[in-house]
Amino acid sequence: MAFLLRPSLLSTLTVSAAIQTSAYLYSTVGRPVPTEHYYDLSGSLTHLAIVAQVLASSFAVSSTGLPPARVAVLGVLSSVWAARLGTYLYDRVKRVGKDTRFDELKQDPIRWTAPWAFQTVWCAALQAPLTMAAASAFAARPLSVLDAVAIGVFVAGFAIETLADRQKNAYKTANPTGAMTSGAFAAAVYPNYFGECLLWWGAYALAAPVLVGTAAHATALAAPLVTATLLFKVSGIPLLEKSAWTKYGSDPNYVAYRARTNVFFPWFPRTSVSDADWERVRVAAAAVGVSIDVDAARKVASSKPKAQ
C-alpha cells in the first residue's frame, strides 16, 4: 500500500473503489431490497476521500511541508463542489423517496453492481485534474494571472449550477408537476448542466500549466469530457428530454418556451422565433416520440415571453 503515499491515478482509483465498495455493501447487504438513497451521497464522500488522499500524499512528498498552492486550490474547489452536490442530491432522493434510474437495476444482483462500478471510475475521472497536477514534477509552479482566470471559470460554473439547482428545487417543491421555465431556466433549458461542464473545464485549465506530455493532458481532460459525454449522451439531457416532452409537450406555453430558449448555453430568450426554431423543437419532441402543436405554440410565442 506504499503507492497510496504518493499522488497517482492508481491511488485515486484505489480510494474510489474502496469507498464505493463499502457504500455498495451498506446499501445492499441485509436489506430485502437494495436502496439507492446513499448512491449520490457516497459519490460525494468518494470525491472528498480522493481529495484528502491527494492532499495528504502531496504533503508527504512536499519539500516545503505543505501541498503546492495549485493542488490545494484544486482540492478546495473540488471539495466544495462535492459537498454541495452530494447533499443536494441526497436531500432530493430522500424527499422524492426514490430514484427511478435504479428501479430495474435493483431487481438483479449482477446489474446492481454496475452503477457502483461506474461511479468508481466517474469519481476518479472527475478528480483527474487534481491527481495529475499533484503528480506532476512541476506541481509547485507559482499561480499566475491565467490560473486566476481558470479559478474564476470554476467558480462561475459552480455558481450557475448551484443557483439553477436551488431555483428548480424551490419551484418543484411548490409546483411538483410544473415545468421550470423561470430564473436561470429562462436563459437555458439546462443551465445547471452548463455550469457543471464549465467548472470542470476550469479545473482542467488550472491543472494544465504543470502537466507534461500528451498522456497527462489526456488524463486530466477526462473531467470535462466525461462530464459532457454523460450529460449529453447518457444520463443527463437525454433522460430529461424524454420526461419533459412527455409531460409538457401538449402545453403550448412549454413548446413556446423551448422555441425561444437555448438548450445549453445561457442567453437572453429570443424575442422573435424563426421557422428554424419551430422545426428544432418539433424534431426534439419527435425524437422522443412526442407530437407537438406548433400552431398553438406560435400564438403563445407572439406574446411576451413568460414563465409558467
Protein backbone atom coordinates (compact mmCIF):
# COMPACT_ATOMS: atom_id res chain seq x y z
CA MET A 1 0.00 0.00 0.00
CA ALA A 2 3.02 2.30 -0.23
CA PHE A 3 1.66 3.68 -3.52
CA LEU A 4 -1.06 5.44 -1.53
CA LEU A 5 1.64 7.71 -0.11
CA ARG A 6 2.15 9.35 -3.50
CA PRO A 7 -0.43 11.09 -5.71
CA SER A 8 -1.20 8.93 -8.75
CA LEU A 9 -4.07 7.69 -10.85
CA LEU A 10 -3.68 4.24 -9.26
CA SER A 11 -4.02 5.60 -5.72
CA THR A 12 -7.04 7.68 -6.77
CA LEU A 13 -8.76 4.63 -8.29
CA THR A 14 -7.96 2.55 -5.21
CA VAL A 15 -9.53 5.09 -2.85
CA SER A 16 -12.55 5.42 -5.12
CA ALA A 17 -13.04 1.64 -5.33
CA ALA A 18 -12.73 1.23 -1.56
CA ILE A 19 -15.40 3.84 -0.77
CA GLN A 20 -17.78 2.64 -3.47
CA THR A 21 -17.44 -1.00 -2.45
CA SER A 22 -18.23 -0.06 1.14
CA ALA A 23 -21.24 2.01 0.06
CA TYR A 24 -22.49 -0.81 -2.16
CA LEU A 25 -22.29 -3.30 0.68
CA TYR A 26 -24.04 -0.93 3.10
CA SER A 27 -26.83 -0.30 0.56
CA THR A 28 -27.28 -3.98 -0.26
CA VAL A 29 -26.33 -6.50 2.44
CA GLY A 30 -29.07 -7.37 4.89
CA ARG A 31 -31.78 -5.45 3.02
CA PRO A 32 -34.80 -7.17 1.40
CA VAL A 33 -34.42 -4.70 -1.48
CA PRO A 34 -31.25 -2.66 -2.05
CA THR A 35 -31.55 1.08 -1.53
CA GLU A 36 -30.30 3.82 -3.82
CA HIS A 37 -30.68 6.53 -1.18
CA TYR A 38 -26.96 6.60 -0.43
CA TYR A 39 -25.70 6.35 -4.00
CA ASP A 40 -25.17 10.04 -4.73
CA LEU A 41 -24.07 10.76 -1.18
CA SER A 42 -21.44 8.03 -1.45
CA GLY A 43 -20.22 9.67 -4.65
CA SER A 44 -19.72 12.91 -2.76
CA LEU A 45 -17.87 11.10 0.04
CA THR A 46 -15.68 9.38 -2.55
CA HIS A 47 -14.68 12.71 -4.10
CA LEU A 48 -13.84 14.06 -0.65
CA ALA A 49 -11.80 10.95 0.16
CA ILE A 50 -9.85 11.28 -3.10
CA VAL A 51 -9.11 14.94 -2.36
CA ALA A 52 -7.97 14.02 1.17
CA GLN A 53 -5.68 11.29 -0.15
CA VAL A 54 -4.15 13.53 -2.83
CA LEU A 55 -3.57 16.41 -0.42
CA ALA A 56 -2.13 14.11 2.25
CA SER A 57 0.21 12.39 -0.19
CA SER A 58 1.25 15.77 -1.65
CA PHE A 59 2.02 16.93 1.88
CA ALA A 60 4.12 13.80 2.48
CA VAL A 61 6.35 14.34 -0.58
CA SER A 62 6.49 18.15 -0.43
CA SER A 63 9.85 19.76 0.29
CA THR A 64 8.08 22.72 1.92
CA GLY A 65 5.92 20.68 4.25
CA LEU A 66 2.75 21.90 2.51
CA PRO A 67 0.86 20.83 -0.61
CA PRO A 68 1.57 23.05 -3.65
CA ALA A 69 -0.80 26.03 -3.88
CA ARG A 70 -2.26 24.80 -7.17
CA VAL A 71 -3.05 21.40 -5.69
CA ALA A 72 -4.50 22.94 -2.55
CA VAL A 73 -6.78 25.24 -4.55
CA LEU A 74 -7.97 22.40 -6.78
CA GLY A 75 -8.63 20.33 -3.67
CA VAL A 76 -10.67 23.06 -2.01
CA LEU A 77 -12.71 23.75 -5.15
CA SER A 78 -13.43 20.04 -5.70
CA SER A 79 -14.38 19.57 -2.04
CA VAL A 80 -16.85 22.46 -2.04
CA TRP A 81 -18.41 21.18 -5.26
CA ALA A 82 -18.65 17.59 -3.97
CA ALA A 83 -20.13 18.54 -0.61
CA ARG A 84 -22.75 20.79 -2.20
CA LEU A 85 -23.83 18.38 -4.94
CA GLY A 86 -23.84 15.28 -2.74
CA THR A 87 -26.01 16.80 -0.02
CA TYR A 88 -28.34 18.35 -2.62
CA LEU A 89 -28.91 15.03 -4.39
CA TYR A 90 -29.25 13.13 -1.10
CA ASP A 91 -31.90 15.58 0.14
CA ARG A 92 -33.72 15.28 -3.17
CA VAL A 93 -33.88 11.48 -3.20
CA LYS A 94 -35.00 11.43 0.44
CA ARG A 95 -37.75 13.95 -0.36
CA VAL A 96 -38.92 12.18 -3.51
CA GLY A 97 -38.47 8.73 -1.95
CA LYS A 98 -36.72 7.02 -4.86
CA ASP A 99 -34.54 7.43 -7.92
CA THR A 100 -36.25 5.82 -10.90
CA ARG A 101 -32.90 5.25 -12.65
CA PHE A 102 -32.33 2.29 -10.35
CA ASP A 103 -35.77 0.63 -10.35
CA GLU A 104 -34.81 -2.19 -12.70
CA LEU A 105 -31.16 -2.45 -11.63
CA LYS A 106 -32.13 -3.20 -8.02
CA GLN A 107 -34.01 -6.30 -9.12
CA ASP A 108 -30.89 -8.00 -10.48
CA PRO A 109 -27.90 -8.56 -8.14
CA ILE A 110 -25.44 -8.53 -11.05
CA ARG A 111 -26.82 -5.41 -12.73
CA TRP A 112 -27.00 -3.68 -9.34
CA THR A 113 -23.19 -3.70 -9.17
CA ALA A 114 -22.93 -1.70 -12.42
CA PRO A 115 -23.78 1.79 -11.09
CA TRP A 116 -21.29 1.38 -8.23
CA ALA A 117 -18.54 0.26 -10.60
CA PHE A 118 -19.41 3.16 -12.88
CA GLN A 119 -19.28 5.64 -10.01
CA THR A 120 -15.85 4.32 -9.03
CA VAL A 121 -14.49 5.31 -12.43
CA TRP A 122 -16.54 8.52 -12.59
CA CYS A 123 -15.15 9.86 -9.31
CA ALA A 124 -11.58 9.11 -10.37
CA ALA A 125 -12.16 10.72 -13.78
CA LEU A 126 -13.54 13.95 -12.36
CA GLN A 127 -10.64 14.24 -9.93
CA ALA A 128 -8.09 13.60 -12.69
CA PRO A 129 -7.04 17.28 -12.94
CA LEU A 130 -6.26 17.31 -9.22
CA THR A 131 -4.49 13.95 -9.35
CA MET A 132 -2.36 14.74 -12.39
CA ALA A 133 -1.43 18.21 -11.13
CA ALA A 134 -0.33 16.76 -7.79
CA ALA A 135 1.66 14.01 -9.52
CA SER A 136 3.50 16.49 -11.77
CA ALA A 137 7.14 17.30 -11.13
CA PHE A 138 6.16 20.94 -11.69
CA ALA A 139 3.25 20.96 -9.21
CA ALA A 140 4.91 23.71 -7.16
CA ARG A 141 4.93 26.19 -10.07
CA PRO A 142 3.50 29.50 -8.74
CA LEU A 143 -0.02 30.51 -9.64
CA SER A 144 -0.38 33.11 -12.39
CA VAL A 145 -2.99 35.51 -13.72
CA LEU A 146 -4.18 32.81 -16.13
CA ASP A 147 -4.60 30.47 -13.19
CA ALA A 148 -6.79 33.10 -11.54
CA VAL A 149 -8.91 33.09 -14.70
CA ALA A 150 -9.20 29.29 -14.50
CA ILE A 151 -10.30 29.56 -10.87
CA GLY A 152 -12.85 32.16 -11.94
CA VAL A 153 -14.21 29.78 -14.59
CA PHE A 154 -14.65 27.05 -11.98
CA VAL A 155 -16.32 29.41 -9.52
CA ALA A 156 -18.63 30.80 -12.23
CA GLY A 157 -19.69 27.30 -13.25
CA PHE A 158 -20.25 26.32 -9.65
CA ALA A 159 -22.34 29.44 -9.01
CA ILE A 160 -24.51 28.83 -12.08
CA GLU A 161 -25.09 25.19 -11.19
CA THR A 162 -25.87 25.99 -7.56
CA LEU A 163 -28.24 28.84 -8.43
CA ALA A 164 -30.09 26.74 -11.01
CA ASP A 165 -30.43 23.75 -8.65
CA ARG A 166 -31.74 25.92 -5.83
CA GLN A 167 -34.25 27.69 -8.05
CA LYS A 168 -35.53 24.44 -9.51
CA ASN A 169 -35.72 22.79 -6.11
CA ALA A 170 -37.77 25.69 -4.71
CA TYR A 171 -40.06 25.71 -7.73
CA LYS A 172 -40.61 21.94 -7.73
CA THR A 173 -41.36 21.95 -4.02
CA ALA A 174 -44.17 24.43 -4.61
CA ASN A 175 -45.21 23.12 -8.04
CA PRO A 176 -44.34 19.40 -8.28
CA THR A 177 -45.96 18.93 -11.69
CA GLY A 178 -44.98 22.22 -13.29
CA ALA A 179 -42.23 22.95 -15.82
CA MET A 180 -39.43 25.16 -14.51
CA THR A 181 -39.01 27.96 -17.04
CA SER A 182 -38.10 30.98 -14.92
CA GLY A 183 -34.95 32.31 -13.25
CA ALA A 184 -31.81 30.73 -14.67
CA PHE A 185 -34.03 28.44 -16.72
CA ALA A 186 -35.30 31.41 -18.72
CA ALA A 187 -31.77 31.69 -20.13
CA ALA A 188 -31.30 27.97 -20.92
CA VAL A 189 -33.28 24.76 -20.58
CA TYR A 190 -30.39 23.12 -18.71
CA PRO A 191 -28.36 25.92 -17.06
CA ASN A 192 -27.25 23.60 -14.23
CA TYR A 193 -25.62 21.29 -16.77
CA PHE A 194 -23.89 24.23 -18.41
CA GLY A 195 -22.47 25.19 -15.02
CA GLU A 196 -21.34 21.62 -14.37
CA CYS A 197 -19.47 21.42 -17.67
CA LEU A 198 -17.96 24.88 -17.23
CA LEU A 199 -16.49 24.21 -13.81
CA TRP A 200 -14.64 21.06 -14.93
CA TRP A 201 -13.10 22.97 -17.83
CA GLY A 202 -11.92 25.42 -15.18
CA ALA A 203 -10.38 22.56 -13.19
CA TYR A 204 -8.53 21.30 -16.25
CA ALA A 205 -7.31 24.81 -17.12
CA LEU A 206 -5.94 25.19 -13.59
CA ALA A 207 -4.08 21.87 -13.80
CA ALA A 208 -2.84 22.28 -17.39
CA PRO A 209 0.17 24.61 -16.79
CA VAL A 210 2.02 21.94 -14.77
CA LEU A 211 1.14 18.93 -16.93
CA VAL A 212 3.83 17.47 -19.17
CA GLY A 213 3.12 15.22 -22.13
CA THR A 214 0.07 14.13 -24.07
CA ALA A 215 -0.83 11.35 -21.62
CA ALA A 216 -1.01 13.73 -18.66
CA HIS A 217 -3.21 16.19 -20.53
CA ALA A 218 -5.42 13.44 -21.91
CA THR A 219 -5.94 12.02 -18.43
CA ALA A 220 -6.77 15.41 -16.91
CA LEU A 221 -9.17 16.11 -19.78
CA ALA A 222 -11.25 13.17 -18.54
CA ALA A 223 -13.03 15.53 -16.11
CA PRO A 224 -14.68 17.87 -18.63
CA LEU A 225 -15.01 15.28 -21.41
CA VAL A 226 -16.57 12.55 -19.26
CA THR A 227 -18.93 15.13 -17.75
CA ALA A 228 -20.04 16.36 -21.18
CA THR A 229 -20.48 12.83 -22.51
CA LEU A 230 -22.64 11.78 -19.56
CA LEU A 231 -24.80 14.90 -19.67
CA PHE A 232 -25.29 14.94 -23.44
CA LYS A 233 -25.37 11.24 -24.28
CA VAL A 234 -26.19 9.12 -21.24
CA SER A 235 -27.98 10.11 -18.05
CA GLY A 236 -28.44 13.86 -18.26
CA ILE A 237 -30.18 15.63 -21.11
CA PRO A 238 -31.47 12.50 -22.93
CA LEU A 239 -33.44 11.30 -19.88
CA LEU A 240 -34.79 14.75 -19.05
CA GLU A 241 -35.75 15.46 -22.64
CA LYS A 242 -37.94 12.37 -22.78
CA SER A 243 -39.52 13.18 -19.44
CA ALA A 244 -40.09 16.87 -20.22
CA TRP A 245 -41.63 16.39 -23.65
CA THR A 246 -43.84 13.57 -22.39
CA LYS A 247 -45.15 15.72 -19.52
CA TYR A 248 -45.35 19.14 -21.16
CA GLY A 249 -45.37 18.58 -24.92
CA SER A 250 -49.13 19.19 -25.07
CA ASP A 251 -48.74 22.59 -23.36
CA PRO A 252 -48.26 25.38 -25.94
CA ASN A 253 -46.63 27.57 -23.28
CA TYR A 254 -43.89 24.99 -22.79
CA VAL A 255 -43.41 24.48 -26.53
CA ALA A 256 -43.10 28.25 -26.97
CA TYR A 257 -40.59 28.37 -24.12
CA ARG A 258 -38.48 25.70 -25.81
CA ALA A 259 -38.60 27.56 -29.13
CA ARG A 260 -37.30 30.82 -27.68
CA THR A 261 -34.79 29.35 -25.22
CA ASN A 262 -31.32 27.90 -25.79
CA VAL A 263 -30.97 24.29 -24.70
CA PHE A 264 -27.50 24.51 -23.14
CA PHE A 265 -25.71 27.87 -23.45
CA PRO A 266 -27.46 30.52 -21.31
CA TRP A 267 -28.58 33.59 -23.24
CA PHE A 268 -31.46 36.03 -23.45
CA PRO A 269 -34.75 34.46 -24.63
CA ARG A 270 -35.49 35.09 -28.29
CA THR A 271 -37.99 37.87 -28.87
CA SER A 272 -38.60 36.61 -32.39
CA VAL A 273 -38.90 32.87 -33.03
CA SER A 274 -37.88 31.73 -36.51
CA ASP A 275 -39.17 28.82 -38.56
CA ALA A 276 -35.87 27.07 -37.82
CA ASP A 277 -36.60 27.35 -34.10
CA TRP A 278 -40.00 25.74 -34.50
CA GLU A 279 -38.51 22.98 -36.58
CA ARG A 280 -35.82 22.46 -33.93
CA VAL A 281 -38.37 21.90 -31.15
CA ARG A 282 -40.56 19.76 -33.39
CA VAL A 283 -37.59 17.50 -34.11
CA ALA A 284 -36.59 17.40 -30.43
CA ALA A 285 -40.08 16.32 -29.39
CA ALA A 286 -40.39 13.82 -32.23
CA ALA A 287 -37.06 12.28 -31.23
CA VAL A 288 -38.70 11.03 -28.02
CA GLY A 289 -41.98 10.09 -29.69
CA VAL A 290 -43.99 13.22 -28.88
CA SER A 291 -46.04 15.21 -31.38
CA ILE A 292 -46.50 18.93 -30.60
CA ASP A 293 -48.96 21.58 -31.77
CA VAL A 294 -46.70 24.21 -33.28
CA ASP A 295 -49.58 26.48 -34.37
CA ALA A 296 -50.87 26.82 -30.82
CA ALA A 297 -47.36 27.49 -29.57
CA ARG A 298 -46.84 30.18 -32.23
CA LYS A 299 -49.77 32.12 -30.80
CA VAL A 300 -48.19 31.97 -27.35
CA ALA A 301 -44.78 33.00 -28.69
CA SER A 302 -46.28 36.05 -30.39
CA SER A 303 -46.92 37.49 -26.92
CA LYS A 304 -44.24 38.50 -24.39
CA PRO A 305 -42.19 35.54 -23.00
CA LYS A 306 -43.45 34.45 -19.64
CA ALA A 307 -42.56 31.73 -17.15
CA GLN A 308 -45.07 29.06 -16.25
